[in-house]
Amino acid sequence: MDDLAETIKDEATRAFYDYWRGRRRGDDLPLWQDFDPVEMRGWLGSINVIEVLTETDGHRFRYRVHGDRLSQFLGVEMTGKFADEIPADAVRKRAIAGYNSVVEGGAPALVHYDANDAADRRCTVQRLTVPVLDEDVLLLISYFRIDP
């Protein structure tokens, strides 16, 4: 077991991380084509799939998929939109910083934080973000555990 796996206490998050690790090819990143939506059905509502676009001044992040539970939490549907379009300033900054961290480090990242949902209820959030390749495009998949 690796160091990150040892820090993951939540069973669903650990299962998602193990699923990602099981698709790796040695030390290489897993390929998007190896992810099966049927196998991932338990996580889908809590997942973002983010396309990493490299621009002259850094990276930009477009949501290919924005899970239903995450849309409810934020109060906005982000599929097809960019992370820099997230309306809430603190959420936007945290998302972009987290995505940049995974891109620059080339490795998964687990973060915990408190945040208010769309109804202004305080929640504890855990986000595991993993890198994946889709041909020559880098994707990030973020799995969220949100507790009221």
N, C-alpha and C. Protein backbone atom coordinates (compact mmCIF):
# COMPACT_ATOMS: atom_id res chain seq x y z
N MET A 1 0.85 -1.19 0.00
CA MET A 1 0.00 0.00 0.00
C MET A 1 0.89 1.25 0.00
N ASP A 2 0.48 2.29 -0.74
CA ASP A 2 1.28 3.50 -0.79
C ASP A 2 0.86 4.47 0.31
N ASP A 3 1.64 5.55 0.45
CA ASP A 3 1.38 6.52 1.52
C ASP A 3 0.00 7.16 1.42
N LEU A 4 -0.42 7.52 0.20
CA LEU A 4 -1.73 8.15 0.04
C LEU A 4 -2.84 7.18 0.45
N ALA A 5 -2.75 5.96 0.01
CA ALA A 5 -3.78 4.96 0.34
C ALA A 5 -3.93 4.82 1.85
N GLU A 6 -2.84 4.92 2.57
CA GLU A 6 -2.88 4.78 4.03
C GLU A 6 -3.60 5.95 4.69
N THR A 7 -3.66 7.10 4.04
CA THR A 7 -4.32 8.27 4.63
C THR A 7 -5.82 8.33 4.34
N ILE A 8 -6.29 7.50 3.40
CA ILE A 8 -7.70 7.52 3.01
C ILE A 8 -8.48 6.64 3.98
N LYS A 9 -9.32 7.27 4.78
CA LYS A 9 -10.11 6.55 5.78
C LYS A 9 -11.49 6.16 5.28
N ASP A 10 -12.07 6.96 4.38
CA ASP A 10 -13.40 6.71 3.86
C ASP A 10 -13.37 5.53 2.88
N GLU A 11 -14.28 4.60 3.09
CA GLU A 11 -14.30 3.36 2.29
C GLU A 11 -14.55 3.62 0.80
N ALA A 12 -15.52 4.49 0.47
CA ALA A 12 -15.82 4.77 -0.93
C ALA A 12 -14.66 5.48 -1.63
N THR A 13 -14.02 6.39 -0.91
CA THR A 13 -12.87 7.10 -1.49
C THR A 13 -11.72 6.13 -1.71
N ARG A 14 -11.48 5.26 -0.75
CA ARG A 14 -10.41 4.25 -0.90
C ARG A 14 -10.72 3.33 -2.07
N ALA A 15 -11.98 2.93 -2.21
CA ALA A 15 -12.36 2.05 -3.32
C ALA A 15 -12.13 2.75 -4.66
N PHE A 16 -12.46 4.06 -4.75
CA PHE A 16 -12.22 4.80 -5.98
C PHE A 16 -10.71 4.88 -6.27
N TYR A 17 -9.92 5.16 -5.25
CA TYR A 17 -8.47 5.23 -5.42
C TYR A 17 -7.92 3.88 -5.88
N ASP A 18 -8.38 2.80 -5.27
CA ASP A 18 -7.94 1.46 -5.67
C ASP A 18 -8.35 1.15 -7.11
N TYR A 19 -9.54 1.61 -7.50
CA TYR A 19 -10.01 1.42 -8.88
C TYR A 19 -9.05 2.14 -9.84
N TRP A 20 -8.69 3.38 -9.52
CA TRP A 20 -7.75 4.14 -10.35
C TRP A 20 -6.40 3.42 -10.42
N ARG A 21 -5.87 3.01 -9.27
CA ARG A 21 -4.58 2.31 -9.24
C ARG A 21 -4.62 1.02 -10.05
N GLY A 22 -5.75 0.34 -10.02
CA GLY A 22 -5.89 -0.92 -10.75
C GLY A 22 -5.87 -0.75 -12.26
N ARG A 23 -6.02 0.47 -12.74
CA ARG A 23 -6.00 0.74 -14.17
C ARG A 23 -4.65 1.28 -14.64
N ARG A 24 -3.75 1.51 -13.72
CA ARG A 24 -2.41 1.99 -14.11
C ARG A 24 -1.67 0.90 -14.87
N ARG A 25 -0.78 1.30 -15.70
CA ARG A 25 0.06 0.38 -16.47
C ARG A 25 1.49 0.58 -15.98
N GLY A 26 1.83 -0.15 -14.94
CA GLY A 26 3.14 0.05 -14.32
C GLY A 26 3.14 1.41 -13.64
N ASP A 27 4.13 2.23 -13.98
CA ASP A 27 4.20 3.58 -13.42
C ASP A 27 3.46 4.61 -14.27
N ASP A 28 2.94 4.19 -15.42
CA ASP A 28 2.24 5.11 -16.31
C ASP A 28 0.85 5.43 -15.78
N LEU A 29 0.34 6.57 -16.19
CA LEU A 29 -1.03 6.94 -15.83
C LEU A 29 -2.01 6.01 -16.52
N PRO A 30 -3.15 5.77 -15.89
CA PRO A 30 -4.17 4.96 -16.56
C PRO A 30 -4.76 5.72 -17.74
N LEU A 31 -5.35 4.95 -18.65
CA LEU A 31 -5.99 5.54 -19.82
C LEU A 31 -7.49 5.65 -19.59
N TRP A 32 -8.07 6.74 -20.09
CA TRP A 32 -9.49 7.00 -19.94
C TRP A 32 -10.32 5.83 -20.47
N GLN A 33 -9.88 5.22 -21.55
CA GLN A 33 -10.63 4.12 -22.15
C GLN A 33 -10.74 2.91 -21.23
N ASP A 34 -9.91 2.84 -20.20
CA ASP A 34 -9.95 1.72 -19.26
C ASP A 34 -10.94 1.93 -18.12
N PHE A 35 -11.60 3.07 -18.09
CA PHE A 35 -12.59 3.36 -17.05
C PHE A 35 -13.97 3.01 -17.59
N ASP A 36 -14.70 2.21 -16.84
CA ASP A 36 -16.00 1.72 -17.26
C ASP A 36 -17.10 2.39 -16.43
N PRO A 37 -17.98 3.18 -17.07
CA PRO A 37 -19.04 3.85 -16.32
C PRO A 37 -19.92 2.89 -15.50
N VAL A 38 -20.11 1.67 -16.00
CA VAL A 38 -20.92 0.70 -15.25
C VAL A 38 -20.20 0.34 -13.95
N GLU A 39 -18.91 0.12 -14.02
CA GLU A 39 -18.14 -0.19 -12.81
C GLU A 39 -18.07 1.00 -11.87
N MET A 40 -18.19 2.20 -12.41
CA MET A 40 -18.05 3.43 -11.62
C MET A 40 -19.39 3.97 -11.14
N ARG A 41 -20.49 3.27 -11.39
CA ARG A 41 -21.83 3.82 -11.13
C ARG A 41 -22.03 4.31 -9.70
N GLY A 42 -21.39 3.71 -8.73
CA GLY A 42 -21.54 4.15 -7.35
C GLY A 42 -20.89 5.49 -7.05
N TRP A 43 -19.97 5.91 -7.90
CA TRP A 43 -19.25 7.16 -7.69
C TRP A 43 -19.73 8.29 -8.60
N LEU A 44 -20.47 7.96 -9.66
CA LEU A 44 -20.72 8.93 -10.74
C LEU A 44 -21.34 10.25 -10.30
N GLY A 45 -22.27 10.24 -9.38
CA GLY A 45 -22.89 11.48 -8.95
C GLY A 45 -21.96 12.40 -8.19
N SER A 46 -20.84 11.84 -7.74
CA SER A 46 -19.88 12.61 -6.93
C SER A 46 -18.55 12.80 -7.64
N ILE A 47 -18.56 12.69 -8.95
CA ILE A 47 -17.32 12.79 -9.73
C ILE A 47 -17.36 13.96 -10.70
N ASN A 48 -16.22 14.60 -10.83
CA ASN A 48 -15.95 15.54 -11.91
C ASN A 48 -14.91 14.92 -12.82
N VAL A 49 -15.10 15.04 -14.12
CA VAL A 49 -14.06 14.69 -15.08
C VAL A 49 -13.65 16.01 -15.72
N ILE A 50 -12.38 16.35 -15.58
CA ILE A 50 -11.89 17.67 -15.96
C ILE A 50 -10.83 17.53 -17.04
N GLU A 51 -11.00 18.24 -18.14
CA GLU A 51 -10.02 18.27 -19.22
C GLU A 51 -9.03 19.40 -18.93
N VAL A 52 -7.75 19.07 -19.01
CA VAL A 52 -6.69 20.05 -18.76
C VAL A 52 -6.26 20.65 -20.10
N LEU A 53 -6.44 21.95 -20.24
CA LEU A 53 -6.03 22.67 -21.44
C LEU A 53 -4.80 23.50 -21.09
N THR A 54 -3.75 23.34 -21.87
CA THR A 54 -2.54 24.11 -21.63
C THR A 54 -2.58 25.37 -22.48
N GLU A 55 -2.45 26.50 -21.81
CA GLU A 55 -2.47 27.78 -22.50
C GLU A 55 -1.16 28.50 -22.22
N THR A 56 -0.93 29.60 -22.90
CA THR A 56 0.35 30.30 -22.77
C THR A 56 0.63 30.76 -21.34
N ASP A 57 -0.41 31.06 -20.58
CA ASP A 57 -0.21 31.57 -19.22
C ASP A 57 -0.55 30.53 -18.14
N GLY A 58 -0.58 29.25 -18.52
CA GLY A 58 -0.85 28.21 -17.53
C GLY A 58 -1.88 27.22 -18.03
N HIS A 59 -2.65 26.67 -17.10
CA HIS A 59 -3.65 25.66 -17.44
C HIS A 59 -5.06 26.22 -17.24
N ARG A 60 -5.95 25.70 -18.04
CA ARG A 60 -7.36 25.99 -17.87
C ARG A 60 -8.07 24.64 -17.77
N PHE A 61 -9.13 24.58 -16.99
CA PHE A 61 -9.76 23.31 -16.67
C PHE A 61 -11.24 23.34 -17.06
N ARG A 62 -11.60 22.44 -18.01
CA ARG A 62 -12.99 22.37 -18.48
C ARG A 62 -13.63 21.08 -17.95
N TYR A 63 -14.85 21.22 -17.42
CA TYR A 63 -15.58 20.07 -16.89
C TYR A 63 -16.25 19.30 -18.02
N ARG A 64 -15.77 18.09 -18.28
CA ARG A 64 -16.46 17.21 -19.22
C ARG A 64 -17.70 16.61 -18.56
N VAL A 65 -17.56 16.28 -17.28
CA VAL A 65 -18.66 15.74 -16.49
C VAL A 65 -18.64 16.44 -15.14
N HIS A 66 -19.80 16.84 -14.68
CA HIS A 66 -19.95 17.43 -13.35
C HIS A 66 -21.08 16.68 -12.67
N GLY A 67 -20.74 15.87 -11.67
CA GLY A 67 -21.72 15.00 -11.03
C GLY A 67 -22.92 15.73 -10.46
N ASP A 68 -24.07 15.03 -10.47
CA ASP A 68 -25.32 15.62 -9.98
C ASP A 68 -25.23 16.10 -8.54
N ARG A 69 -24.62 15.29 -7.67
CA ARG A 69 -24.50 15.69 -6.26
C ARG A 69 -23.64 16.93 -6.12
N LEU A 70 -22.66 17.07 -6.99
CA LEU A 70 -21.78 18.24 -6.94
C LEU A 70 -22.52 19.48 -7.44
N SER A 71 -23.37 19.29 -8.44
CA SER A 71 -24.19 20.41 -8.93
C SER A 71 -25.13 20.90 -7.84
N GLN A 72 -25.72 19.95 -7.11
CA GLN A 72 -26.60 20.32 -5.99
C GLN A 72 -25.82 21.06 -4.91
N PHE A 73 -24.63 20.57 -4.62
CA PHE A 73 -23.80 21.19 -3.58
C PHE A 73 -23.45 22.63 -3.96
N LEU A 74 -23.01 22.83 -5.19
CA LEU A 74 -22.62 24.17 -5.65
C LEU A 74 -23.81 25.06 -6.01
N GLY A 75 -24.91 24.41 -6.39
CA GLY A 75 -26.06 25.18 -6.85
C GLY A 75 -25.91 25.62 -8.30
N VAL A 76 -25.01 24.97 -9.03
CA VAL A 76 -24.78 25.30 -10.44
C VAL A 76 -24.25 24.06 -11.15
N GLU A 77 -24.70 23.87 -12.38
CA GLU A 77 -24.23 22.77 -13.23
C GLU A 77 -23.01 23.28 -14.00
N MET A 78 -21.90 22.53 -13.92
CA MET A 78 -20.66 23.00 -14.54
C MET A 78 -20.23 22.21 -15.77
N THR A 79 -20.99 21.18 -16.17
CA THR A 79 -20.60 20.40 -17.35
C THR A 79 -20.45 21.32 -18.56
N GLY A 80 -19.30 21.22 -19.23
CA GLY A 80 -19.01 22.04 -20.40
C GLY A 80 -18.44 23.41 -20.07
N LYS A 81 -18.40 23.75 -18.80
CA LYS A 81 -17.88 25.06 -18.38
C LYS A 81 -16.47 24.90 -17.83
N PHE A 82 -15.83 26.04 -17.63
CA PHE A 82 -14.46 26.06 -17.10
C PHE A 82 -14.46 26.32 -15.60
N ALA A 83 -13.44 25.81 -14.93
CA ALA A 83 -13.32 26.01 -13.49
C ALA A 83 -13.27 27.50 -13.14
N ASP A 84 -12.70 28.32 -14.03
CA ASP A 84 -12.64 29.75 -13.73
C ASP A 84 -14.01 30.44 -13.88
N GLU A 85 -15.04 29.66 -14.23
CA GLU A 85 -16.41 30.18 -14.29
C GLU A 85 -17.23 29.82 -13.05
N ILE A 86 -16.63 29.11 -12.11
CA ILE A 86 -17.34 28.78 -10.86
C ILE A 86 -17.70 30.10 -10.19
N PRO A 87 -18.98 30.30 -9.86
CA PRO A 87 -19.39 31.61 -9.33
C PRO A 87 -18.78 31.97 -7.97
N ALA A 88 -18.68 31.01 -7.07
CA ALA A 88 -18.17 31.31 -5.72
C ALA A 88 -16.65 31.44 -5.73
N ASP A 89 -16.16 32.59 -5.34
CA ASP A 89 -14.74 32.91 -5.41
C ASP A 89 -13.87 31.90 -4.67
N ALA A 90 -14.21 31.57 -3.44
CA ALA A 90 -13.38 30.65 -2.65
C ALA A 90 -13.37 29.26 -3.26
N VAL A 91 -14.51 28.80 -3.75
CA VAL A 91 -14.61 27.47 -4.38
C VAL A 91 -13.78 27.45 -5.65
N ARG A 92 -13.89 28.50 -6.46
CA ARG A 92 -13.15 28.61 -7.71
C ARG A 92 -11.65 28.54 -7.46
N LYS A 93 -11.18 29.34 -6.51
CA LYS A 93 -9.73 29.38 -6.21
C LYS A 93 -9.24 28.05 -5.70
N ARG A 94 -10.02 27.41 -4.81
CA ARG A 94 -9.62 26.11 -4.25
C ARG A 94 -9.56 25.04 -5.35
N ALA A 95 -10.55 25.04 -6.24
CA ALA A 95 -10.60 24.06 -7.32
C ALA A 95 -9.39 24.21 -8.24
N ILE A 96 -9.14 25.42 -8.69
CA ILE A 96 -8.04 25.66 -9.63
C ILE A 96 -6.70 25.33 -9.00
N ALA A 97 -6.49 25.74 -7.76
CA ALA A 97 -5.23 25.43 -7.07
C ALA A 97 -5.05 23.92 -6.92
N GLY A 98 -6.13 23.21 -6.58
CA GLY A 98 -6.05 21.76 -6.44
C GLY A 98 -5.75 21.07 -7.75
N TYR A 99 -6.39 21.50 -8.82
CA TYR A 99 -6.15 20.90 -10.13
C TYR A 99 -4.71 21.18 -10.59
N ASN A 100 -4.25 22.41 -10.40
CA ASN A 100 -2.86 22.73 -10.77
C ASN A 100 -1.87 21.87 -9.99
N SER A 101 -2.16 21.62 -8.73
CA SER A 101 -1.29 20.79 -7.90
C SER A 101 -1.13 19.38 -8.47
N VAL A 102 -2.23 18.79 -8.92
CA VAL A 102 -2.17 17.44 -9.48
C VAL A 102 -1.44 17.46 -10.83
N VAL A 103 -1.73 18.47 -11.65
CA VAL A 103 -1.06 18.56 -12.96
C VAL A 103 0.44 18.73 -12.77
N GLU A 104 0.84 19.64 -11.90
CA GLU A 104 2.27 19.90 -11.70
C GLU A 104 2.98 18.75 -11.00
N GLY A 105 2.30 18.09 -10.07
CA GLY A 105 2.92 16.98 -9.35
C GLY A 105 2.82 15.65 -10.07
N GLY A 106 1.88 15.54 -11.02
CA GLY A 106 1.71 14.31 -11.77
C GLY A 106 1.23 13.14 -10.94
N ALA A 107 0.64 13.43 -9.79
CA ALA A 107 0.23 12.37 -8.88
C ALA A 107 -1.11 12.75 -8.24
N PRO A 108 -1.84 11.75 -7.73
CA PRO A 108 -3.11 12.03 -7.06
C PRO A 108 -2.92 12.92 -5.84
N ALA A 109 -3.99 13.61 -5.47
CA ALA A 109 -3.96 14.47 -4.27
C ALA A 109 -5.29 14.32 -3.53
N LEU A 110 -5.18 14.25 -2.21
CA LEU A 110 -6.34 14.17 -1.33
C LEU A 110 -6.34 15.41 -0.45
N VAL A 111 -7.48 16.12 -0.44
CA VAL A 111 -7.60 17.31 0.41
C VAL A 111 -8.90 17.23 1.19
N HIS A 112 -8.89 17.84 2.38
CA HIS A 112 -10.07 17.97 3.24
C HIS A 112 -10.26 19.45 3.53
N TYR A 113 -11.52 19.88 3.54
CA TYR A 113 -11.80 21.27 3.89
C TYR A 113 -13.27 21.40 4.27
N ASP A 114 -13.60 22.51 4.90
CA ASP A 114 -14.99 22.84 5.22
C ASP A 114 -15.47 23.88 4.22
N ALA A 115 -16.73 23.74 3.81
CA ALA A 115 -17.30 24.68 2.84
C ALA A 115 -18.81 24.74 3.03
N ASN A 116 -19.39 25.84 2.59
CA ASN A 116 -20.84 25.98 2.64
C ASN A 116 -21.41 25.51 1.31
N ASP A 117 -22.55 24.79 1.38
CA ASP A 117 -23.21 24.36 0.17
C ASP A 117 -24.10 25.48 -0.37
N ALA A 118 -24.86 25.20 -1.42
CA ALA A 118 -25.70 26.22 -2.06
C ALA A 118 -26.77 26.76 -1.12
N ALA A 119 -27.16 25.96 -0.11
CA ALA A 119 -28.15 26.39 0.87
C ALA A 119 -27.50 27.01 2.10
N ASP A 120 -26.20 27.27 2.01
CA ASP A 120 -25.40 27.89 3.06
C ASP A 120 -25.26 27.03 4.32
N ARG A 121 -25.34 25.69 4.13
CA ARG A 121 -25.08 24.76 5.24
C ARG A 121 -23.59 24.42 5.23
N ARG A 122 -23.00 24.37 6.40
CA ARG A 122 -21.58 24.05 6.53
C ARG A 122 -21.38 22.55 6.35
N CYS A 123 -20.44 22.16 5.50
CA CYS A 123 -20.17 20.75 5.19
C CYS A 123 -18.67 20.49 5.26
N THR A 124 -18.33 19.23 5.52
CA THR A 124 -16.95 18.79 5.43
C THR A 124 -16.78 18.10 4.08
N VAL A 125 -15.76 18.51 3.35
CA VAL A 125 -15.54 18.01 2.00
C VAL A 125 -14.20 17.30 1.94
N GLN A 126 -14.20 16.16 1.28
CA GLN A 126 -12.97 15.45 0.98
C GLN A 126 -12.93 15.29 -0.54
N ARG A 127 -11.82 15.68 -1.16
CA ARG A 127 -11.69 15.58 -2.62
C ARG A 127 -10.42 14.80 -2.97
N LEU A 128 -10.60 13.71 -3.69
CA LEU A 128 -9.48 12.94 -4.22
C LEU A 128 -9.43 13.21 -5.72
N THR A 129 -8.32 13.74 -6.20
CA THR A 129 -8.16 14.03 -7.62
C THR A 129 -7.03 13.17 -8.17
N VAL A 130 -7.33 12.47 -9.28
CA VAL A 130 -6.36 11.57 -9.90
C VAL A 130 -6.18 11.95 -11.37
N PRO A 131 -4.96 11.81 -11.89
CA PRO A 131 -4.71 12.10 -13.31
C PRO A 131 -4.94 10.87 -14.18
N VAL A 132 -5.44 11.11 -15.40
CA VAL A 132 -5.75 10.06 -16.37
C VAL A 132 -5.42 10.61 -17.76
N LEU A 133 -5.00 9.74 -18.68
CA LEU A 133 -4.73 10.18 -20.05
C LEU A 133 -5.85 9.74 -20.98
N ASP A 134 -6.26 10.66 -21.86
CA ASP A 134 -7.22 10.36 -22.93
C ASP A 134 -6.51 10.69 -24.23
N GLU A 135 -5.85 9.69 -24.80
CA GLU A 135 -4.96 9.86 -25.94
C GLU A 135 -3.88 10.86 -25.55
N ASP A 136 -3.86 12.05 -26.13
CA ASP A 136 -2.82 13.02 -25.78
C ASP A 136 -3.34 14.14 -24.88
N VAL A 137 -4.50 13.92 -24.29
CA VAL A 137 -5.11 14.93 -23.41
C VAL A 137 -5.06 14.44 -21.97
N LEU A 138 -4.60 15.31 -21.08
CA LEU A 138 -4.60 14.98 -19.66
C LEU A 138 -5.97 15.30 -19.09
N LEU A 139 -6.53 14.33 -18.37
CA LEU A 139 -7.78 14.51 -17.66
C LEU A 139 -7.51 14.38 -16.17
N LEU A 140 -8.36 15.00 -15.40
CA LEU A 140 -8.37 14.81 -13.96
C LEU A 140 -9.74 14.27 -13.59
N ILE A 141 -9.78 13.33 -12.68
CA ILE A 141 -11.05 12.86 -12.14
C ILE A 141 -11.02 13.19 -10.65
N SER A 142 -12.00 13.94 -10.21
CA SER A 142 -12.12 14.26 -8.78
C SER A 142 -13.33 13.55 -8.21
N TYR A 143 -13.10 12.80 -7.15
CA TYR A 143 -14.18 12.16 -6.41
C TYR A 143 -14.37 12.93 -5.10
N PHE A 144 -15.61 13.30 -4.81
CA PHE A 144 -15.92 14.10 -3.61
C PHE A 144 -16.73 13.28 -2.62
N ARG A 145 -16.36 13.41 -1.37
CA ARG A 145 -17.18 12.92 -0.24
C ARG A 145 -17.59 14.18 0.51
N ILE A 146 -18.90 14.43 0.59
CA ILE A 146 -19.40 15.64 1.24
C ILE A 146 -20.30 15.21 2.40
N ASP A 147 -19.96 15.63 3.59
CA ASP A 147 -20.74 15.32 4.79
C ASP A 147 -21.30 16.59 5.39
N PRO A 148 -22.62 16.56 5.68
CA PRO A 148 -23.24 17.77 6.28
C PRO A 148 -22.72 18.00 7.70
